[in-house]
Amino acid sequence: MEEPVTTSAQATALSCLDDIQPSLSAWTRTIFDFGETAWREYQSAAWYVEHLRHEGFSVEEGSGGMPTAFCAHWTNGAGPTIGMYAEYDAVPGNCQDAATVKRPRPGLGAEAGGHTDPHSGLGIASLGGLLAAKAAMQRHGISGTLRFTGEPAEKVRGSKPIHAAKGYYDGLAGMISFHPFYMLPLCNTARWDTHCGSACAMIYRFVCDEPENWVRASDGAPIPQAHSAVRAPGANDALMMMYMASKALRDSMLPHQGGWSISEAILTAGQATADNLPAGLAEIQYMIRVPTLAMAEQVTAVLDRNAEAAAKMSGCRYERHWVSKSRPGLANHVMSGIAFDALATVGPPRWDEAAKAIAREIQVNAGGAATDEPFIAELEQLIAPEEAEAILRRDLPPSQLNSTSDDYTDMSWHTPTARFYVARPALRSENGHAYPSWAMNALGGISATIDPMVTCAAKTIALAALRLLEDKAARDAAMDEFVARTGGGIGGSKWLAPLCDYEPPIHFRWPEYVTTPRGRDWWIPSNPQAA
């Protein structure tokens, strides 16, 4: 097998990343320890903004009307603009320390936020690739611009539909999208034809603000909270009826094919009180992951009917507020090839004996048995995009063009986009033992186990970005394919326009950290006696 050939600029980028690897490791742990969740990533976004400005980038804070989003630029003269991005949102209820035992981060309870995918490594890998590309452009006089967006709330598909609608991905020669692997065969490879599908999320808000209309007035109950008064069911009852009706009708929402899913989360439910008043406010969020926009519209219509009925039965009114509406992904084979060529040049991540010793300790502490090779074999193997595509298609009907969900798809309708995956540490299971989520979360925070992924992805991003900047033929081929697939580019006959027709949903009761006279804690206070 021939050794991969790199340009002088690409060699500079690789050397740069070797030099700053200790910093990448420390930065990954910093974002991991912030553990901030959707729409409330204040420390994480501020950290990125500060570091980008220190590196000479101009930064727009609060881009797209989202307080924890940003858009950064650095230019080295007239030339193509290459896009990269960071995600940094964590997941509520997954607070895990970077340790080999199950325990939350210091001073917090398990209910707090924690990184699962982990986006902490995703964002820093992308930042590393960005900085290395910049260093190579400076040293070798490569003209062009780097655009780096901060993308909050990916777990609810939040920022990218909004950024797309407001033009933040327009004018790019290409976008490089990286994600830690989360399913086989999409490990150390790039997506080919079957990109992620559509997703939408909405909040149904039930409001009981006219409970007096529930019954006729009575002289025997002159005040609303009188114990002798008939009480309107209220918002909690509406939410529960919505929840149960939607569960009961789920099998009738869509055909039993297409790999679709619906999940829900209760954001607000009444008030903690013993008074004899109906709950005035309750909110439930639904997330719909489907291959097509038509399927999303069908599910939304059912949920709307359920909400209307639940509100009428409980003396409430309802409101529907969009959290996200994202499009299915658009393939670009040229971009996939560019990303995979870069990954093949770097090679898959490798885990040393120190990392394996940590993994064995977690295997035992998580109820399993230590193995000589604690990680699954696929972590250190490459798989060509076409081969991964063939395996992925085995379980999909021919008519299904998209599968799973992620909002990078909105970028793909504005610029040629590559989506690639690098292995994150995943434990080998003996005798069918299922490892708990804390074990995976811990592996994403311990430097020895997550650094190989971050370094590999950063190098891949840097090489792919420089390929687009230096190789006009490859850049033009990617754009030609984009124009062909969209029927003429942005606004073309086969182009899907942005779906975002709503304001950023930042004003809801999203889980977050709060500061009170008792100190800083999760909004559900930790219970020190439970430790």
Protein backbone atom coordinates (compact mmCIF):
# COMPACT_ATOMS: atom_id res chain seq x y z
CA MET A 1 0.00 0.00 0.00
CA GLU A 2 1.37 3.39 -0.99
CA GLU A 3 2.02 5.97 1.68
CA PRO A 4 -0.53 8.81 1.57
CA VAL A 5 0.79 11.98 -0.05
CA THR A 6 0.32 15.29 1.75
CA THR A 7 1.05 18.79 0.56
CA SER A 8 3.52 20.98 2.42
CA ALA A 9 0.63 22.89 3.93
CA GLN A 10 -1.04 19.70 5.11
CA ALA A 11 2.23 18.52 6.67
CA THR A 12 2.42 21.84 8.53
CA ALA A 13 -1.12 21.35 9.82
CA LEU A 14 -0.34 17.85 11.09
CA SER A 15 2.78 19.10 12.85
CA CYS A 16 0.80 21.95 14.40
CA LEU A 17 -1.74 19.53 15.82
CA ASP A 18 0.99 17.36 17.31
CA ASP A 19 2.35 20.48 19.02
CA ILE A 20 -0.98 21.61 20.47
CA GLN A 21 -2.26 18.16 21.42
CA PRO A 22 -1.84 18.82 25.17
CA SER A 23 -3.95 21.95 24.80
CA LEU A 24 -6.65 20.08 22.87
CA SER A 25 -6.74 17.52 25.66
CA ALA A 26 -7.13 20.16 28.37
CA TRP A 27 -9.75 22.06 26.37
CA THR A 28 -11.81 18.91 25.81
CA ARG A 29 -11.88 18.29 29.55
CA THR A 30 -12.89 21.92 30.18
CA ILE A 31 -15.98 21.70 27.97
CA PHE A 32 -16.76 18.24 29.35
CA ASP A 33 -16.77 19.63 32.89
CA PHE A 34 -19.04 22.54 31.94
CA GLY A 35 -21.72 19.99 31.01
CA GLU A 36 -24.18 22.65 29.83
CA THR A 37 -27.39 21.67 28.09
CA ALA A 38 -29.46 22.93 25.15
CA TRP A 39 -29.94 26.70 24.85
CA ARG A 40 -28.07 27.26 28.15
CA GLU A 41 -24.44 26.70 27.15
CA TYR A 42 -23.27 30.06 28.48
CA GLN A 43 -19.82 29.10 29.75
CA SER A 44 -19.06 26.88 26.78
CA ALA A 45 -19.97 29.49 24.18
CA ALA A 46 -18.07 32.21 26.06
CA TRP A 47 -15.01 29.95 26.21
CA TYR A 48 -15.02 29.43 22.44
CA VAL A 49 -15.56 33.13 21.74
CA GLU A 50 -12.64 34.12 23.97
CA HIS A 51 -10.27 31.57 22.41
CA LEU A 52 -11.26 32.39 18.86
CA ARG A 53 -10.67 36.10 19.42
CA HIS A 54 -7.32 35.30 21.01
CA GLU A 55 -6.45 33.42 17.79
CA GLY A 56 -7.28 36.46 15.65
CA PHE A 57 -10.81 35.59 14.56
CA SER A 58 -13.55 38.19 14.35
CA VAL A 59 -16.54 36.81 16.24
CA GLU A 60 -20.24 37.65 16.14
CA GLU A 61 -21.75 36.63 19.46
CA GLY A 62 -25.39 35.59 19.68
CA SER A 63 -25.59 34.81 15.96
CA GLY A 64 -29.05 34.18 14.58
CA GLY A 65 -30.63 35.60 17.72
CA MET A 66 -29.34 32.69 19.83
CA PRO A 67 -27.42 33.84 22.95
CA THR A 68 -25.16 30.77 23.02
CA ALA A 69 -24.39 30.70 19.30
CA PHE A 70 -21.59 32.51 17.48
CA CYS A 71 -20.04 32.95 14.04
CA ALA A 72 -16.28 33.48 13.66
CA HIS A 73 -14.20 34.46 10.62
CA TRP A 74 -10.52 34.62 9.78
CA THR A 75 -9.30 35.59 6.35
CA ASN A 76 -5.97 35.40 4.56
CA GLY A 77 -7.04 37.34 1.49
CA ALA A 78 -9.43 36.72 -1.38
CA GLY A 79 -10.25 33.07 -1.94
CA PRO A 80 -12.72 30.31 -1.09
CA THR A 81 -14.44 30.17 2.29
CA ILE A 82 -14.45 26.86 4.16
CA GLY A 83 -16.93 26.10 6.93
CA MET A 84 -16.43 24.18 10.16
CA TYR A 85 -18.34 24.24 13.42
CA ALA A 86 -18.48 23.32 17.10
CA GLU A 87 -21.25 21.74 19.11
CA TYR A 88 -21.04 21.86 22.90
CA ASP A 89 -24.44 20.98 24.39
CA ALA A 90 -24.70 18.18 26.94
CA VAL A 91 -27.68 16.07 28.02
CA PRO A 92 -29.71 16.45 31.23
CA GLY A 93 -29.61 13.52 33.63
CA ASN A 94 -26.16 12.34 32.51
CA CYS A 95 -23.81 14.08 34.92
CA GLN A 96 -20.76 11.83 35.13
CA ASP A 97 -17.27 12.62 36.33
CA ALA A 98 -14.22 11.73 34.25
CA ALA A 99 -13.63 8.71 36.49
CA THR A 100 -13.68 4.93 36.32
CA VAL A 101 -16.59 4.67 38.76
CA LYS A 102 -20.16 5.91 38.58
CA ARG A 103 -20.28 9.34 40.20
CA PRO A 104 -21.43 12.83 39.19
CA ARG A 105 -19.04 15.71 38.75
CA PRO A 106 -18.09 17.33 42.09
CA GLY A 107 -20.84 19.35 43.75
CA LEU A 108 -23.60 18.08 41.46
CA GLY A 109 -26.17 15.32 41.32
CA ALA A 110 -26.74 12.80 38.58
CA GLU A 111 -29.67 14.90 37.28
CA ALA A 112 -27.30 17.62 36.02
CA GLY A 113 -26.03 17.82 32.45
CA GLY A 114 -23.33 15.59 31.04
CA HIS A 115 -21.77 14.85 27.67
CA THR A 116 -22.96 11.66 26.05
CA ASP A 117 -21.88 11.75 22.38
CA PRO A 118 -19.59 13.61 23.46
CA HIS A 119 -19.99 17.07 21.97
CA SER A 120 -17.13 18.22 24.19
CA GLY A 121 -14.74 16.25 21.98
CA LEU A 122 -16.66 17.09 18.81
CA GLY A 123 -16.25 20.83 19.27
CA ILE A 124 -12.59 20.77 20.30
CA ALA A 125 -11.65 18.44 17.45
CA SER A 126 -13.23 20.91 15.04
CA LEU A 127 -11.47 23.81 16.74
CA GLY A 128 -8.16 21.97 16.47
CA GLY A 129 -8.66 21.39 12.77
CA LEU A 130 -9.57 25.05 12.32
CA LEU A 131 -6.44 26.32 14.09
CA ALA A 132 -4.19 23.93 12.21
CA ALA A 133 -5.65 25.00 8.86
CA LYS A 134 -5.14 28.64 9.82
CA ALA A 135 -1.49 28.00 10.77
CA ALA A 136 -0.86 26.28 7.44
CA MET A 137 -2.54 29.07 5.48
CA GLN A 138 -0.36 31.65 7.19
CA ARG A 139 2.90 29.76 6.71
CA HIS A 140 2.29 28.85 3.08
CA GLY A 141 0.47 31.96 1.92
CA ILE A 142 -2.80 30.18 1.07
CA SER A 143 -5.58 32.64 0.33
CA GLY A 144 -9.08 32.15 1.63
CA THR A 145 -11.35 32.47 4.63
CA LEU A 146 -12.27 30.15 7.48
CA ARG A 147 -15.77 30.36 8.95
CA PHE A 148 -16.46 28.66 12.27
CA THR A 149 -19.93 28.60 13.77
CA GLY A 150 -20.94 27.75 17.32
CA GLU A 151 -23.98 25.49 17.22
CA PRO A 152 -25.99 25.20 20.46
CA ALA A 153 -28.83 22.81 21.24
CA GLU A 154 -28.00 20.09 18.72
CA LYS A 155 -29.80 17.58 20.92
CA VAL A 156 -33.07 19.28 20.01
CA ARG A 157 -31.86 20.09 16.45
CA GLY A 158 -31.81 23.71 17.53
CA SER A 159 -29.35 26.08 15.90
CA LYS A 160 -28.58 24.87 12.38
CA PRO A 161 -32.08 25.34 10.91
CA ILE A 162 -31.99 28.89 12.30
CA HIS A 163 -28.47 29.64 11.08
CA ALA A 164 -29.38 28.21 7.67
CA ALA A 165 -32.47 30.36 7.34
CA LYS A 166 -30.48 33.46 8.25
CA GLY A 167 -27.75 32.83 5.67
CA TYR A 168 -24.83 31.71 7.82
CA TYR A 169 -23.96 28.80 5.49
CA ASP A 170 -24.29 30.73 2.25
CA GLY A 171 -21.18 31.54 0.24
CA LEU A 172 -19.15 28.55 1.44
CA ALA A 173 -17.06 26.42 -0.89
CA GLY A 174 -17.65 23.48 1.42
CA MET A 175 -18.65 22.44 4.95
CA ILE A 176 -16.82 19.80 6.99
CA SER A 177 -19.05 18.05 9.51
CA PHE A 178 -17.56 15.67 12.09
CA HIS A 179 -19.33 13.56 14.70
CA PRO A 180 -18.08 10.88 17.10
CA PHE A 181 -19.23 7.47 15.92
CA TYR A 182 -22.43 6.22 17.53
CA MET A 183 -23.45 3.21 15.44
CA LEU A 184 -21.86 0.65 13.17
CA PRO A 185 -20.94 0.62 10.35
CA LEU A 186 -20.53 4.43 10.57
CA CYS A 187 -17.17 4.30 12.34
CA ASN A 188 -14.01 5.80 10.82
CA THR A 189 -15.81 6.55 7.58
CA ALA A 190 -17.90 9.15 5.77
CA ARG A 191 -21.56 9.07 4.81
CA TRP A 192 -22.13 8.31 1.15
CA ASP A 193 -25.72 8.31 -0.13
CA THR A 194 -27.82 7.72 2.99
CA HIS A 195 -27.55 10.88 5.05
CA CYS A 196 -29.54 11.74 8.15
CA GLY A 197 -33.24 12.42 7.79
CA SER A 198 -35.63 15.16 8.76
CA ALA A 199 -36.39 16.07 12.35
CA CYS A 200 -38.72 18.47 14.02
CA ALA A 201 -39.40 19.34 17.61
CA MET A 202 -42.16 21.35 19.17
CA ILE A 203 -43.46 22.34 22.59
CA TYR A 204 -47.15 22.03 23.38
CA ARG A 205 -48.01 24.52 26.08
CA PHE A 206 -51.26 24.05 28.01
CA VAL A 207 -52.57 27.11 29.82
CA CYS A 208 -55.47 27.15 32.28
CA ASP A 209 -55.96 30.91 32.64
CA GLU A 210 -59.79 30.95 32.76
CA PRO A 211 -60.67 28.16 35.20
CA GLU A 212 -63.82 30.03 36.20
CA ASN A 213 -65.39 28.95 32.91
CA TRP A 214 -65.33 25.30 33.99
CA VAL A 215 -68.52 25.51 36.10
CA ARG A 216 -71.29 27.97 36.92
CA ALA A 217 -70.70 30.35 39.81
CA SER A 218 -71.87 29.20 43.25
CA ASP A 219 -72.67 31.27 46.29
CA GLY A 220 -71.38 28.40 48.40
CA ALA A 221 -67.83 28.83 47.03
CA PRO A 222 -67.17 32.57 46.87
CA ILE A 223 -63.39 32.25 46.33
CA PRO A 224 -61.77 30.12 43.61
CA GLN A 225 -59.71 27.97 45.96
CA ALA A 226 -62.61 27.15 48.30
CA HIS A 227 -62.47 23.50 49.27
CA SER A 228 -66.17 23.17 48.46
CA ALA A 229 -65.74 24.45 44.90
CA VAL A 230 -65.62 22.32 41.77
CA ARG A 231 -62.18 22.76 40.27
CA ALA A 232 -61.19 22.77 36.61
CA PRO A 233 -58.82 19.87 35.77
CA GLY A 234 -56.08 22.28 34.66
CA ALA A 235 -52.85 22.14 32.72
CA ASN A 236 -51.31 19.06 34.35
CA ASP A 237 -54.34 16.99 33.39
CA ALA A 238 -54.16 18.33 29.84
CA LEU A 239 -50.50 17.37 29.60
CA MET A 240 -51.17 13.86 30.91
CA MET A 241 -54.03 13.34 28.49
CA MET A 242 -51.82 14.57 25.66
CA TYR A 243 -49.04 12.22 26.76
CA MET A 244 -51.25 9.14 27.04
CA ALA A 245 -53.28 9.83 23.89
CA SER A 246 -50.13 10.30 21.82
CA LYS A 247 -48.64 7.10 23.23
CA ALA A 248 -51.84 5.21 22.45
CA LEU A 249 -52.04 6.53 18.89
CA ARG A 250 -48.35 6.19 18.04
CA ASP A 251 -48.86 3.03 16.02
CA SER A 252 -51.37 4.89 13.87
CA MET A 253 -49.24 7.92 13.11
CA LEU A 254 -47.06 6.42 10.37
CA PRO A 255 -46.52 3.11 8.53
CA HIS A 256 -44.34 0.50 10.24
CA GLN A 257 -41.33 1.23 8.06
CA GLY A 258 -38.89 4.03 7.51
CA GLY A 259 -36.95 3.99 10.76
CA TRP A 260 -38.92 6.76 12.48
CA SER A 261 -39.13 7.60 16.16
CA ILE A 262 -40.89 10.01 18.50
CA SER A 263 -39.70 10.99 21.96
CA GLU A 264 -41.13 13.36 24.53
CA ALA A 265 -39.90 15.37 27.52
CA ILE A 266 -41.94 17.23 30.10
CA LEU A 267 -40.48 20.72 30.53
CA THR A 268 -42.95 22.27 32.98
CA ALA A 269 -45.70 20.69 35.03
CA GLY A 270 -47.85 22.82 37.31
CA GLN A 271 -46.61 24.30 40.55
CA ALA A 272 -45.59 22.66 43.82
CA THR A 273 -48.47 23.77 46.02
CA ALA A 274 -51.13 22.34 48.29
CA ASP A 275 -53.71 24.98 47.46
CA ASN A 276 -56.97 24.04 45.80
CA LEU A 277 -56.26 25.63 42.42
CA PRO A 278 -55.80 23.99 39.01
CA ALA A 279 -52.30 23.96 37.58
CA GLY A 280 -52.06 26.96 35.32
CA LEU A 281 -49.21 25.91 33.01
CA ALA A 282 -47.73 22.68 31.68
CA GLU A 283 -45.40 22.08 28.72
CA ILE A 284 -44.33 18.95 26.88
CA GLN A 285 -41.79 18.73 24.06
CA TYR A 286 -41.97 16.20 21.23
CA MET A 287 -39.02 15.29 19.00
CA ILE A 288 -39.88 13.58 15.71
CA ARG A 289 -37.13 11.86 13.70
CA VAL A 290 -38.26 10.74 10.24
CA PRO A 291 -36.75 10.18 6.79
CA THR A 292 -39.03 12.66 4.98
CA LEU A 293 -40.72 15.99 5.54
CA ALA A 294 -44.10 14.48 4.61
CA MET A 295 -43.80 12.04 7.49
CA ALA A 296 -43.01 14.88 9.89
CA GLU A 297 -46.09 16.77 8.73
CA GLN A 298 -48.28 13.70 9.24
CA VAL A 299 -47.10 13.19 12.84
CA THR A 300 -47.48 16.89 13.60
CA ALA A 301 -51.10 16.80 12.42
CA VAL A 302 -51.89 13.93 14.80
CA LEU A 303 -50.17 15.67 17.72
CA ASP A 304 -52.05 18.89 16.99
CA ARG A 305 -55.37 17.05 17.17
CA ASN A 306 -54.38 15.38 20.41
CA ALA A 307 -53.40 18.71 21.96
CA GLU A 308 -56.65 20.35 20.94
CA ALA A 309 -58.70 17.51 22.40
CA ALA A 310 -56.71 17.40 25.64
CA ALA A 311 -57.11 21.14 26.11
CA LYS A 312 -60.87 21.03 25.59
CA MET A 313 -61.28 18.17 28.06
CA SER A 314 -59.36 19.92 30.82
CA GLY A 315 -60.57 23.51 30.71
CA CYS A 316 -57.40 24.81 29.02
CA ARG A 317 -56.18 26.31 25.82
CA TYR A 318 -53.05 25.13 24.03
CA GLU A 319 -50.21 26.66 22.04
CA ARG A 320 -47.71 24.95 19.74
CA HIS A 321 -44.21 26.44 19.62
CA TRP A 322 -41.57 25.17 17.20
CA VAL A 323 -38.18 24.21 18.60
CA SER A 324 -36.76 23.01 15.29
CA LYS A 325 -37.64 22.03 11.75
CA SER A 326 -34.72 20.50 9.87
CA ARG A 327 -34.44 19.11 6.37
CA PRO A 328 -33.18 15.66 5.33
CA GLY A 329 -29.55 15.52 4.24
CA LEU A 330 -28.18 15.92 0.73
CA ALA A 331 -25.32 13.69 -0.39
CA ASN A 332 -22.13 14.90 -2.05
CA HIS A 333 -19.80 12.09 -3.14
CA VAL A 334 -16.91 14.41 -3.91
CA MET A 335 -16.99 15.84 -0.40
CA SER A 336 -17.31 12.36 1.10
CA GLY A 337 -14.24 11.31 -0.82
CA ILE A 338 -12.28 14.37 0.31
CA ALA A 339 -13.13 13.67 3.95
CA PHE A 340 -12.34 9.96 3.73
CA ASP A 341 -9.07 10.57 1.88
CA ALA A 342 -8.06 12.87 4.72
CA LEU A 343 -9.08 10.29 7.32
CA ALA A 344 -7.16 7.56 5.48
CA THR A 345 -4.08 9.77 5.41
CA VAL A 346 -4.30 10.30 9.17
CA GLY A 347 -5.25 6.71 9.92
CA PRO A 348 -7.76 5.50 12.51
CA PRO A 349 -7.32 6.47 16.16
CA ARG A 350 -5.20 4.19 18.34
CA TRP A 351 -5.52 3.49 22.06
CA ASP A 352 -2.41 2.73 24.08
CA GLU A 353 -2.03 0.38 27.02
CA ALA A 354 -2.72 3.15 29.54
CA ALA A 355 -6.09 3.81 27.92
CA LYS A 356 -6.86 0.09 27.80
CA ALA A 357 -6.06 -0.27 31.52
CA ILE A 358 -8.58 2.48 32.29
CA ALA A 359 -11.15 0.78 30.07
CA ARG A 360 -10.67 -2.56 31.86
CA GLU A 361 -11.23 -0.85 35.20
CA ILE A 362 -14.48 0.62 33.88
CA GLN A 363 -15.52 -2.79 32.52
CA VAL A 364 -15.28 -4.27 36.01
CA ASN A 365 -16.85 -1.29 37.81
CA ALA A 366 -19.74 -1.35 35.33
CA GLY A 367 -20.55 -4.97 36.12
CA GLY A 368 -18.66 -6.63 33.30
CA ALA A 369 -15.45 -8.59 33.01
CA ALA A 370 -12.07 -7.15 32.11
CA THR A 371 -10.86 -8.26 28.68
CA ASP A 372 -7.41 -8.24 27.15
CA GLU A 373 -8.75 -6.00 24.40
CA PRO A 374 -11.39 -3.85 26.16
CA PHE A 375 -12.43 -1.88 23.07
CA ILE A 376 -14.39 -3.19 20.09
CA ALA A 377 -12.20 -4.00 17.10
CA GLU A 378 -13.90 -1.55 14.72
CA LEU A 379 -12.46 1.44 16.62
CA GLU A 380 -9.06 1.01 15.00
CA GLN A 381 -10.26 0.10 11.51
CA LEU A 382 -11.21 2.21 8.51
CA ILE A 383 -14.21 1.37 6.36
CA ALA A 384 -14.67 2.93 2.92
CA PRO A 385 -17.81 5.06 2.53
CA GLU A 386 -19.22 2.85 -0.23
CA GLU A 387 -18.71 -0.27 1.90
CA ALA A 388 -20.32 1.35 4.95
CA GLU A 389 -23.21 2.44 2.74
CA ALA A 390 -23.79 -1.10 1.52
CA ILE A 391 -23.94 -2.42 5.10
CA LEU A 392 -26.21 0.41 6.21
CA ARG A 393 -28.65 -0.28 3.36
CA ARG A 394 -29.13 -3.94 4.35
CA ASP A 395 -31.73 -3.01 6.96
CA LEU A 396 -33.40 -0.19 5.02
CA PRO A 397 -36.15 -0.46 2.39
CA PRO A 398 -35.07 0.75 -1.06
CA SER A 399 -37.56 3.62 -0.91
CA GLN A 400 -36.00 5.06 2.27
CA LEU A 401 -33.42 7.63 1.22
CA ASN A 402 -32.43 8.98 4.67
CA SER A 403 -31.84 7.41 8.06
CA THR A 404 -31.30 8.57 11.68
CA SER A 405 -31.21 12.23 12.63
CA ASP A 406 -28.85 15.17 13.01
CA ASP A 407 -29.30 18.78 11.98
CA TYR A 408 -26.02 19.08 10.02
CA THR A 409 -28.41 18.20 7.21
CA ASP A 410 -29.52 21.82 7.02
CA MET A 411 -26.00 22.81 6.02
CA SER A 412 -26.02 20.39 3.10
CA TRP A 413 -28.64 22.45 1.22
CA HIS A 414 -26.42 25.54 1.22
CA THR A 415 -22.96 24.19 0.40
CA PRO A 416 -21.27 20.91 -0.52
CA THR A 417 -21.06 19.05 2.79
CA ALA A 418 -18.98 16.13 4.05
CA ARG A 419 -20.15 14.15 7.06
CA PHE A 420 -17.54 11.86 8.61
CA TYR A 421 -17.26 9.82 11.79
CA VAL A 422 -14.27 8.94 13.95
CA ALA A 423 -14.29 6.23 16.58
CA ARG A 424 -14.90 7.16 20.19
CA PRO A 425 -14.05 4.56 22.86
CA ALA A 426 -16.66 1.81 23.09
CA LEU A 427 -16.32 -1.20 25.38
CA ARG A 428 -16.18 -4.79 24.23
CA SER A 429 -18.93 -6.86 25.82
CA GLU A 430 -18.49 -10.43 26.99
CA ASN A 431 -21.49 -12.77 27.30
CA GLY A 432 -23.94 -10.10 26.17
CA HIS A 433 -23.32 -7.76 29.12
CA ALA A 434 -24.93 -4.34 28.52
CA TYR A 435 -22.83 -1.50 29.87
CA PRO A 436 -24.63 1.40 31.60
CA SER A 437 -24.57 4.86 30.07
CA TRP A 438 -22.25 6.26 32.74
CA ALA A 439 -19.43 4.05 31.44
CA MET A 440 -19.59 5.54 27.93
CA ASN A 441 -19.96 9.03 29.35
CA ALA A 442 -16.88 8.58 31.54
CA LEU A 443 -14.80 7.32 28.59
CA GLY A 444 -15.73 10.54 26.79
CA GLY A 445 -14.27 12.64 29.59
CA ILE A 446 -11.11 10.80 30.57
CA SER A 447 -8.24 12.27 28.58
CA ALA A 448 -6.43 9.00 27.89
CA THR A 449 -9.53 7.45 26.33
CA ILE A 450 -11.03 10.39 24.40
CA ASP A 451 -7.87 12.13 23.15
CA PRO A 452 -7.21 9.63 20.32
CA MET A 453 -10.58 10.50 18.77
CA VAL A 454 -10.07 14.26 19.16
CA THR A 455 -6.58 14.17 17.63
CA CYS A 456 -7.62 11.97 14.70
CA ALA A 457 -10.69 14.08 13.91
CA ALA A 458 -8.79 17.37 14.19
CA LYS A 459 -6.16 16.16 11.74
CA THR A 460 -8.82 14.91 9.34
CA ILE A 461 -10.66 18.24 9.43
CA ALA A 462 -7.46 20.21 8.83
CA LEU A 463 -6.42 18.06 5.85
CA ALA A 464 -9.89 18.20 4.31
CA ALA A 465 -10.08 21.98 4.71
CA LEU A 466 -6.67 22.48 3.12
CA ARG A 467 -7.56 20.13 0.27
CA LEU A 468 -10.56 22.35 -0.52
CA LEU A 469 -8.43 25.48 -0.31
CA GLU A 470 -5.52 24.19 -2.42
CA ASP A 471 -7.23 21.89 -4.94
CA LYS A 472 -9.45 23.96 -7.21
CA ALA A 473 -10.41 20.95 -9.32
CA ALA A 474 -11.72 19.07 -6.27
CA ARG A 475 -13.48 22.19 -5.01
CA ASP A 476 -15.15 22.78 -8.37
CA ALA A 477 -16.17 19.13 -8.65
CA ALA A 478 -17.87 19.29 -5.25
CA MET A 479 -19.74 22.43 -6.23
CA ASP A 480 -20.73 20.98 -9.62
CA GLU A 481 -22.24 17.98 -7.83
CA PHE A 482 -24.06 20.27 -5.40
CA VAL A 483 -25.52 22.27 -8.29
CA ALA A 484 -26.60 19.09 -10.08
CA ARG A 485 -28.26 17.56 -7.02
CA THR A 486 -30.14 20.76 -6.19
CA GLY A 487 -31.20 21.46 -9.76
CA GLY A 488 -29.20 24.66 -10.00
CA GLY A 489 -27.79 25.38 -6.54
CA ILE A 490 -29.52 27.47 -3.90
CA GLY A 491 -33.03 28.17 -5.19
CA GLY A 492 -32.76 25.43 -7.81
CA SER A 493 -35.54 23.18 -9.02
CA LYS A 494 -34.68 20.36 -6.58
CA TRP A 495 -33.50 22.57 -3.73
CA LEU A 496 -35.24 22.43 -0.34
CA ALA A 497 -35.63 25.89 1.20
CA PRO A 498 -35.11 26.46 4.94
CA LEU A 499 -38.07 25.42 7.07
CA CYS A 500 -37.37 27.78 9.95
CA ASP A 501 -40.26 30.24 10.25
CA TYR A 502 -40.03 30.72 14.01
CA GLU A 503 -37.92 32.67 16.47
CA PRO A 504 -35.21 30.89 18.49
CA PRO A 505 -37.01 29.02 21.29
CA ILE A 506 -34.79 30.38 24.03
CA HIS A 507 -37.44 31.53 26.51
CA PHE A 508 -38.76 28.17 27.64
CA ARG A 509 -38.02 26.30 30.87
CA TRP A 510 -34.97 24.50 29.52
CA PRO A 511 -32.98 22.60 32.16
CA GLU A 512 -29.99 24.64 33.35
CA TYR A 513 -27.62 25.51 36.16
CA VAL A 514 -28.82 28.18 38.60
CA THR A 515 -27.21 30.30 41.28
CA THR A 516 -29.08 30.91 44.54
CA PRO A 517 -28.03 31.94 48.07
CA ARG A 518 -27.21 28.24 48.48
CA GLY A 519 -24.64 28.43 45.66
CA ARG A 520 -24.50 27.15 42.09
CA ASP A 521 -26.36 23.94 41.37
CA TRP A 522 -28.51 22.20 38.80
CA TRP A 523 -32.10 23.42 38.66
CA ILE A 524 -33.00 20.13 40.35
CA PRO A 525 -30.83 20.49 43.47
CA SER A 526 -28.37 17.74 44.23
CA ASN A 527 -29.00 15.58 47.26
CA PRO A 528 -25.74 15.26 49.21
CA GLN A 529 -27.23 12.41 51.26
CA ALA A 530 -27.63 10.35 48.11
CA ALA A 531 -23.90 10.31 47.41
